[in-house]
């Protein structure tokens, strides 16, 4: 059981890293110069691919935490 969870944690970790790296940057090149564009574009809701990627990242993060806690519990026994 411990080995299965350890392999699952490694897989979830790799997928979580990929999901975080695929997310688009929140900074805009023009906002670095003007400063005002961030207020206009910063509050837009994520749609399509970005929303799906945000959900996938949240689910993978939750799975990572649950598996890590389960591994800690199993290793203490």
N, C-alpha and C. Protein backbone atom coordinates (compact mmCIF):
# COMPACT_ATOMS: atom_id res chain seq x y z
N UNK A 1 0.83 -1.20 0.00
CA UNK A 1 0.00 0.00 0.00
C UNK A 1 0.87 1.25 0.00
N UNK A 2 1.94 1.19 0.80
CA UNK A 2 2.84 2.34 0.90
C UNK A 2 3.49 2.63 -0.45
N UNK A 3 3.93 1.57 -1.14
CA UNK A 3 4.59 1.76 -2.43
C UNK A 3 3.64 2.32 -3.48
N UNK A 4 2.40 1.88 -3.46
CA UNK A 4 1.40 2.38 -4.41
C UNK A 4 1.16 3.87 -4.18
N UNK A 5 1.03 4.25 -2.92
CA UNK A 5 0.81 5.67 -2.61
C UNK A 5 2.04 6.51 -2.95
N UNK A 6 3.22 5.94 -2.76
CA UNK A 6 4.44 6.67 -3.09
C UNK A 6 4.54 6.92 -4.60
N UNK A 7 4.21 5.93 -5.39
CA UNK A 7 4.20 6.09 -6.85
C UNK A 7 3.13 7.10 -7.26
N UNK A 8 1.96 7.03 -6.62
CA UNK A 8 0.89 7.99 -6.92
C UNK A 8 1.32 9.41 -6.58
N UNK A 9 2.05 9.58 -5.48
CA UNK A 9 2.53 10.90 -5.08
C UNK A 9 3.53 11.44 -6.10
N UNK A 10 4.39 10.60 -6.60
CA UNK A 10 5.36 11.03 -7.61
C UNK A 10 4.65 11.45 -8.89
N UNK A 11 3.66 10.68 -9.31
CA UNK A 11 2.91 11.01 -10.53
C UNK A 11 2.14 12.30 -10.35
N UNK A 12 1.46 12.45 -9.22
CA UNK A 12 0.70 13.67 -8.95
C UNK A 12 1.63 14.87 -8.88
N UNK A 13 2.81 14.69 -8.30
CA UNK A 13 3.77 15.79 -8.21
C UNK A 13 4.21 16.26 -9.58
N UNK A 14 4.52 15.33 -10.46
CA UNK A 14 4.94 15.69 -11.82
C UNK A 14 3.81 16.38 -12.56
N UNK A 15 2.59 15.85 -12.45
CA UNK A 15 1.45 16.47 -13.12
C UNK A 15 1.14 17.86 -12.56
N UNK A 16 1.32 18.03 -11.27
CA UNK A 16 1.09 19.34 -10.64
C UNK A 16 2.11 20.36 -11.13
N UNK A 17 3.35 19.95 -11.25
CA UNK A 17 4.38 20.86 -11.77
C UNK A 17 4.05 21.26 -13.21
N UNK A 18 3.64 20.31 -14.02
CA UNK A 18 3.28 20.61 -15.41
C UNK A 18 2.09 21.55 -15.47
N UNK A 19 1.08 21.30 -14.64
CA UNK A 19 -0.12 22.15 -14.64
C UNK A 19 0.21 23.58 -14.22
N UNK A 20 1.09 23.74 -13.26
CA UNK A 20 1.47 25.09 -12.82
C UNK A 20 2.27 25.79 -13.91
N UNK A 21 3.16 25.07 -14.57
CA UNK A 21 3.97 25.69 -15.62
C UNK A 21 3.14 26.06 -16.85
N UNK A 22 2.06 25.36 -17.10
CA UNK A 22 1.21 25.66 -18.26
C UNK A 22 0.30 26.86 -18.05
N UNK A 23 0.12 27.27 -16.82
CA UNK A 23 -0.77 28.39 -16.56
C UNK A 23 -0.18 29.67 -17.11
N UNK A 24 -1.03 30.50 -17.73
CA UNK A 24 -0.53 31.76 -18.31
C UNK A 24 -0.12 32.74 -17.22
N UNK A 25 0.80 33.60 -17.57
CA UNK A 25 1.27 34.61 -16.64
C UNK A 25 0.20 35.65 -16.40
N UNK A 26 0.11 36.16 -15.18
CA UNK A 26 -0.89 37.17 -14.87
C UNK A 26 -0.38 38.58 -15.12
N UNK A 27 0.90 38.74 -15.36
CA UNK A 27 1.44 40.06 -15.62
C UNK A 27 1.39 40.36 -17.10
N UNK A 28 1.12 41.58 -17.42
CA UNK A 28 1.06 42.04 -18.79
C UNK A 28 2.27 42.93 -19.04
N UNK A 29 2.88 42.83 -20.20
CA UNK A 29 4.07 43.62 -20.48
C UNK A 29 3.76 45.11 -20.45
N UNK A 30 2.58 45.50 -20.91
CA UNK A 30 2.21 46.91 -20.91
C UNK A 30 1.96 47.43 -19.50
N UNK A 31 1.52 46.57 -18.61
CA UNK A 31 1.23 47.03 -17.25
C UNK A 31 2.51 47.34 -16.48
N UNK A 32 3.61 46.77 -16.91
CA UNK A 32 4.87 47.07 -16.25
C UNK A 32 5.28 48.52 -16.50
N UNK A 33 4.88 49.04 -17.66
CA UNK A 33 5.23 50.42 -17.99
C UNK A 33 4.19 51.41 -17.48
N UNK A 34 2.92 51.07 -17.64
CA UNK A 34 1.88 52.04 -17.29
C UNK A 34 1.31 51.83 -15.89
N UNK A 35 1.17 50.60 -15.45
CA UNK A 35 0.63 50.33 -14.13
C UNK A 35 -0.88 50.31 -14.07
N UNK A 36 -1.57 50.94 -14.98
CA UNK A 36 -3.02 51.00 -14.94
C UNK A 36 -3.70 49.84 -15.61
N UNK A 37 -3.04 49.17 -16.51
CA UNK A 37 -3.66 48.07 -17.24
C UNK A 37 -3.93 46.88 -16.33
N UNK A 38 -3.16 46.74 -15.28
CA UNK A 38 -3.35 45.60 -14.38
C UNK A 38 -4.71 45.68 -13.68
N UNK A 39 -5.15 46.86 -13.34
CA UNK A 39 -6.45 47.00 -12.69
C UNK A 39 -7.57 46.64 -13.65
N UNK A 40 -7.39 46.95 -14.91
CA UNK A 40 -8.44 46.68 -15.89
C UNK A 40 -8.52 45.20 -16.23
N UNK A 41 -7.37 44.58 -16.47
CA UNK A 41 -7.35 43.20 -16.92
C UNK A 41 -7.16 42.19 -15.79
N UNK A 42 -6.76 42.61 -14.63
CA UNK A 42 -6.46 41.69 -13.54
C UNK A 42 -7.67 41.04 -12.92
N UNK A 43 -8.85 41.59 -13.09
CA UNK A 43 -10.04 41.06 -12.44
C UNK A 43 -10.91 40.21 -13.36
N UNK A 44 -10.43 39.92 -14.57
CA UNK A 44 -11.23 39.12 -15.49
C UNK A 44 -11.26 37.67 -15.02
N UNK A 45 -12.40 37.03 -15.22
CA UNK A 45 -12.57 35.65 -14.82
C UNK A 45 -11.92 34.73 -15.85
N UNK A 46 -11.27 33.69 -15.36
CA UNK A 46 -10.64 32.72 -16.25
C UNK A 46 -11.71 31.94 -17.00
N UNK A 47 -11.48 31.74 -18.29
CA UNK A 47 -12.46 31.02 -19.12
C UNK A 47 -11.74 30.00 -19.98
N UNK A 48 -12.49 29.01 -20.40
CA UNK A 48 -11.97 28.02 -21.33
C UNK A 48 -10.82 27.22 -20.76
N UNK A 49 -9.71 27.27 -21.48
CA UNK A 49 -8.53 26.49 -21.12
C UNK A 49 -7.99 26.91 -19.76
N UNK A 50 -7.98 28.21 -19.49
CA UNK A 50 -7.45 28.71 -18.21
C UNK A 50 -8.29 28.21 -17.03
N UNK A 51 -9.61 28.22 -17.19
CA UNK A 51 -10.48 27.75 -16.11
C UNK A 51 -10.28 26.25 -15.87
N UNK A 52 -10.18 25.50 -16.94
CA UNK A 52 -9.95 24.06 -16.81
C UNK A 52 -8.61 23.76 -16.16
N UNK A 53 -7.60 24.52 -16.56
CA UNK A 53 -6.28 24.32 -15.98
C UNK A 53 -6.25 24.71 -14.51
N UNK A 54 -7.01 25.73 -14.15
CA UNK A 54 -7.09 26.13 -12.74
C UNK A 54 -7.76 25.03 -11.91
N UNK A 55 -8.81 24.41 -12.45
CA UNK A 55 -9.49 23.31 -11.75
C UNK A 55 -8.56 22.10 -11.61
N UNK A 56 -7.86 21.78 -12.69
CA UNK A 56 -6.94 20.64 -12.65
C UNK A 56 -5.85 20.87 -11.61
N UNK A 57 -5.34 22.10 -11.54
CA UNK A 57 -4.30 22.42 -10.55
C UNK A 57 -4.84 22.28 -9.13
N UNK A 58 -6.06 22.73 -8.91
CA UNK A 58 -6.65 22.63 -7.57
C UNK A 58 -6.87 21.17 -7.18
N UNK A 59 -7.36 20.36 -8.10
CA UNK A 59 -7.60 18.94 -7.81
C UNK A 59 -6.28 18.22 -7.55
N UNK A 60 -5.27 18.50 -8.37
CA UNK A 60 -3.97 17.86 -8.17
C UNK A 60 -3.34 18.30 -6.85
N UNK A 61 -3.51 19.56 -6.49
CA UNK A 61 -2.99 20.04 -5.21
C UNK A 61 -3.66 19.35 -4.04
N UNK A 62 -4.97 19.19 -4.14
CA UNK A 62 -5.71 18.49 -3.08
C UNK A 62 -5.28 17.03 -3.00
N UNK A 63 -5.12 16.38 -4.15
CA UNK A 63 -4.68 14.98 -4.17
C UNK A 63 -3.28 14.84 -3.58
N UNK A 64 -2.42 15.80 -3.88
CA UNK A 64 -1.06 15.78 -3.34
C UNK A 64 -1.08 15.83 -1.81
N UNK A 65 -1.90 16.72 -1.26
CA UNK A 65 -1.98 16.87 0.19
C UNK A 65 -2.54 15.60 0.84
N UNK A 66 -3.60 15.05 0.26
CA UNK A 66 -4.22 13.85 0.82
C UNK A 66 -3.25 12.66 0.78
N UNK A 67 -2.57 12.48 -0.34
CA UNK A 67 -1.64 11.36 -0.46
C UNK A 67 -0.45 11.55 0.49
N UNK A 68 0.03 12.78 0.62
CA UNK A 68 1.16 13.04 1.53
C UNK A 68 0.78 12.75 2.97
N UNK A 69 -0.43 13.13 3.37
CA UNK A 69 -0.89 12.84 4.74
C UNK A 69 -1.04 11.34 4.95
N UNK A 70 -1.57 10.64 3.94
CA UNK A 70 -1.73 9.19 4.05
C UNK A 70 -0.36 8.51 4.16
N UNK A 71 0.61 8.98 3.39
CA UNK A 71 1.96 8.40 3.48
C UNK A 71 2.59 8.67 4.84
N UNK A 72 2.37 9.85 5.38
CA UNK A 72 2.91 10.17 6.70
C UNK A 72 2.28 9.28 7.76
N UNK A 73 0.98 9.04 7.63
CA UNK A 73 0.29 8.17 8.59
C UNK A 73 0.81 6.73 8.49
N UNK A 74 0.98 6.24 7.26
CA UNK A 74 1.45 4.87 7.08
C UNK A 74 2.90 4.70 7.53
N UNK A 75 3.71 5.72 7.36
CA UNK A 75 5.11 5.58 7.75
C UNK A 75 5.30 5.68 9.26
N UNK A 76 4.33 6.28 9.96
CA UNK A 76 4.44 6.38 11.42
C UNK A 76 4.04 5.08 12.10
N UNK A 77 3.33 4.22 11.40
CA UNK A 77 2.89 2.94 11.99
C UNK A 77 3.87 1.85 11.75
